[in-house]
Amino acid sequence: MNLISIVGHSGSGKTTLIEKLVRELTQRGLRVATIKHAHHKVELDTPGKDSWRYTQAGAAMSLLVTQGGVQLVDTQAEQREPQQLAERFLGKADLVLAEGFSHAPGAKIEVLRRACSSQPRCTPDEGVVALVTDVEEAHPQLPHFALDDVDGIIAFILQQAGK
């Protein structure tokens, strides 16, 4: 499973970068999946609705299927590392981009903007393989990409993924 996490401080531009990467990668014919780590409580289903009631009754997993898509709620998922989640649920993807998961094992690209912080969140020992940054002095031994260098970032990701 080809997976890379995009990490960084809150407000650094992780979601915006992933959105641009997904758009460009899918235009190139790749099937891209995403995983988002949230630090706050998020309501996964609407209280009182059928799928919510199934989960409340003890269903290990519940699928909500609509004309617009499918939502899986797995309240008993014990494996919550991005690689484990991708292998379990996203097997048909060519590439998985995970947002967050700073402390999880695996390759990471850190988005570091001086406007948010000049101190990286992660180190190379923690899996950072490149920076998308305007902070030249951060991890100078790693590749640096400008905040708007989508093509360069994609080339690096595809090289990392062996594609």
Protein backbone atom coordinates (compact mmCIF):
# COMPACT_ATOMS: atom_id res chain seq x y z
CA MET A 1 0.00 0.00 0.00
CA ASN A 2 1.49 3.33 -1.08
CA LEU A 3 0.77 5.74 1.74
CA ILE A 4 2.29 9.04 2.79
CA SER A 5 1.17 11.26 5.63
CA ILE A 6 0.98 15.02 5.31
CA VAL A 7 1.72 16.50 8.72
CA GLY A 8 2.17 19.95 10.20
CA HIS A 9 0.93 22.47 12.69
CA SER A 10 -2.73 23.47 12.74
CA GLY A 11 -3.43 26.05 10.04
CA SER A 12 -0.27 25.28 8.08
CA GLY A 13 -2.15 24.32 4.91
CA LYS A 14 -2.23 20.51 5.08
CA THR A 15 -5.82 20.17 3.86
CA THR A 16 -5.33 22.71 1.07
CA LEU A 17 -2.20 20.90 -0.10
CA ILE A 18 -3.89 17.49 -0.03
CA GLU A 19 -6.84 18.89 -1.96
CA LYS A 20 -4.47 20.15 -4.69
CA LEU A 21 -2.53 16.88 -4.73
CA VAL A 22 -5.68 14.76 -5.00
CA ARG A 23 -7.04 16.89 -7.83
CA GLU A 24 -3.80 16.68 -9.83
CA LEU A 25 -3.12 13.00 -9.12
CA THR A 26 -6.64 11.96 -10.15
CA GLN A 27 -6.30 14.01 -13.35
CA ARG A 28 -3.21 11.89 -14.03
CA GLY A 29 -5.35 8.76 -13.77
CA LEU A 30 -4.47 7.60 -10.25
CA ARG A 31 -7.09 6.38 -7.81
CA VAL A 32 -6.34 8.37 -4.65
CA ALA A 33 -7.81 7.82 -1.20
CA THR A 34 -7.46 10.02 1.87
CA ILE A 35 -7.48 9.43 5.61
CA LYS A 36 -7.96 12.34 8.01
CA HIS A 37 -7.00 12.25 11.68
CA ALA A 38 -9.17 14.48 13.88
CA HIS A 39 -8.11 15.45 17.38
CA HIS A 40 -11.61 16.55 18.32
CA LYS A 41 -14.85 14.61 18.67
CA VAL A 42 -16.73 14.33 15.39
CA GLU A 43 -20.28 13.01 15.10
CA LEU A 44 -19.95 10.12 12.63
CA ASP A 45 -23.66 9.56 12.14
CA THR A 46 -26.88 11.43 12.84
CA PRO A 47 -28.30 10.51 16.26
CA GLY A 48 -31.64 8.78 15.98
CA LYS A 49 -31.21 7.68 12.36
CA ASP A 50 -31.19 3.98 11.43
CA SER A 51 -27.44 3.48 10.98
CA TRP A 52 -26.77 5.32 14.24
CA ARG A 53 -29.29 3.06 15.98
CA TYR A 54 -27.52 -0.04 14.63
CA THR A 55 -24.22 1.19 16.03
CA GLN A 56 -25.84 2.02 19.36
CA ALA A 57 -27.29 -1.49 19.45
CA GLY A 58 -23.77 -2.90 19.19
CA ALA A 59 -23.05 -3.37 15.49
CA ALA A 60 -19.28 -3.62 15.04
CA MET A 61 -19.55 -1.78 11.72
CA SER A 62 -22.33 0.02 9.95
CA LEU A 63 -22.51 1.08 6.30
CA LEU A 64 -24.71 3.92 5.18
CA VAL A 65 -25.29 3.65 1.42
CA THR A 66 -26.78 6.53 -0.55
CA GLN A 67 -26.83 7.49 -4.22
CA GLY A 68 -23.93 9.84 -3.47
CA GLY A 69 -21.64 7.40 -1.72
CA VAL A 70 -20.96 5.02 1.11
CA GLN A 71 -20.04 5.86 4.70
CA LEU A 72 -18.52 3.28 7.01
CA VAL A 73 -18.70 3.66 10.76
CA ASP A 74 -16.42 1.23 12.60
CA THR A 75 -16.63 2.08 16.28
CA GLN A 76 -14.57 -0.92 17.33
CA ALA A 77 -11.58 -0.36 15.06
CA GLU A 78 -8.61 -0.97 17.30
CA GLN A 79 -5.99 -0.48 14.61
CA ARG A 80 -5.91 3.25 13.94
CA GLU A 81 -2.54 3.79 12.32
CA PRO A 82 -2.87 5.10 8.74
CA GLN A 83 -1.13 2.09 7.17
CA GLN A 84 -3.43 -0.35 8.99
CA LEU A 85 -6.53 1.64 8.05
CA ALA A 86 -5.47 1.92 4.42
CA GLU A 87 -4.80 -1.80 4.12
CA ARG A 88 -8.11 -2.69 5.74
CA PHE A 89 -10.44 -0.23 4.03
CA LEU A 90 -8.73 1.35 1.02
CA GLY A 91 -7.19 -1.57 -0.85
CA LYS A 92 -8.31 -0.39 -4.30
CA ALA A 93 -6.43 2.91 -4.09
CA ASP A 94 -3.21 3.51 -6.03
CA LEU A 95 -2.10 6.02 -3.42
CA VAL A 96 -3.32 7.03 0.04
CA LEU A 97 -2.68 10.48 1.48
CA ALA A 98 -3.18 10.67 5.22
CA GLU A 99 -3.58 14.00 6.99
CA GLY A 100 -2.18 14.23 10.47
CA PHE A 101 -0.88 11.10 12.19
CA SER A 102 2.30 12.93 13.22
CA HIS A 103 3.22 10.20 15.69
CA ALA A 104 2.34 7.21 13.51
CA PRO A 105 5.09 5.23 11.78
CA GLY A 106 5.68 5.77 8.09
CA ALA A 107 6.82 8.39 5.60
CA LYS A 108 5.70 11.96 6.19
CA ILE A 109 5.84 15.23 4.32
CA GLU A 110 5.63 18.17 6.70
CA VAL A 111 3.93 21.42 5.75
CA LEU A 112 5.76 24.14 7.66
CA ARG A 113 4.82 27.77 7.13
CA ARG A 114 6.65 30.50 8.99
CA ALA A 115 3.29 32.23 9.56
CA CYS A 116 2.25 29.28 11.79
CA SER A 117 5.57 28.16 13.27
CA SER A 118 9.21 28.04 12.28
CA GLN A 119 9.75 24.84 14.31
CA PRO A 120 9.01 21.54 12.58
CA ARG A 121 6.48 19.26 14.23
CA CYS A 122 8.37 16.06 13.32
CA THR A 123 11.95 14.98 12.74
CA PRO A 124 13.53 12.73 10.11
CA ASP A 125 13.83 10.06 12.82
CA GLU A 126 10.01 10.21 13.07
CA GLY A 127 9.61 9.64 9.32
CA VAL A 128 9.76 13.09 7.75
CA VAL A 129 11.17 12.67 4.25
CA ALA A 130 10.52 16.17 2.85
CA LEU A 131 9.20 19.61 3.74
CA VAL A 132 6.73 21.87 1.99
CA THR A 133 7.93 25.09 3.50
CA ASP A 134 9.08 28.67 3.46
CA VAL A 135 11.42 27.94 6.40
CA GLU A 136 14.74 27.29 4.66
CA GLU A 137 16.63 26.45 7.86
CA ALA A 138 14.33 23.57 8.91
CA HIS A 139 15.84 20.11 8.28
CA PRO A 140 18.24 21.35 5.57
CA GLN A 141 19.28 17.75 4.78
CA LEU A 142 15.79 16.98 3.42
CA PRO A 143 14.19 18.02 0.12
CA HIS A 144 12.28 21.30 0.38
CA PHE A 145 9.36 22.29 -1.84
CA ALA A 146 7.68 25.65 -2.16
CA LEU A 147 4.11 25.87 -0.86
CA ASP A 148 2.77 26.09 -4.44
CA ASP A 149 5.09 23.50 -6.08
CA VAL A 150 2.38 20.88 -6.60
CA ASP A 151 4.17 19.29 -9.59
CA GLY A 152 7.43 18.93 -7.64
CA ILE A 153 5.66 17.47 -4.62
CA ILE A 154 3.77 14.99 -6.81
CA ALA A 155 6.98 13.92 -8.57
CA PHE A 156 8.56 13.31 -5.16
CA ILE A 157 5.54 11.37 -3.86
CA LEU A 158 5.41 9.20 -6.99
CA GLN A 159 9.14 8.52 -6.72
CA GLN A 160 8.69 7.54 -3.05
CA ALA A 161 5.79 5.26 -4.04
CA GLY A 162 7.81 3.68 -6.84
CA LYS A 163 5.41 4.91 -9.53
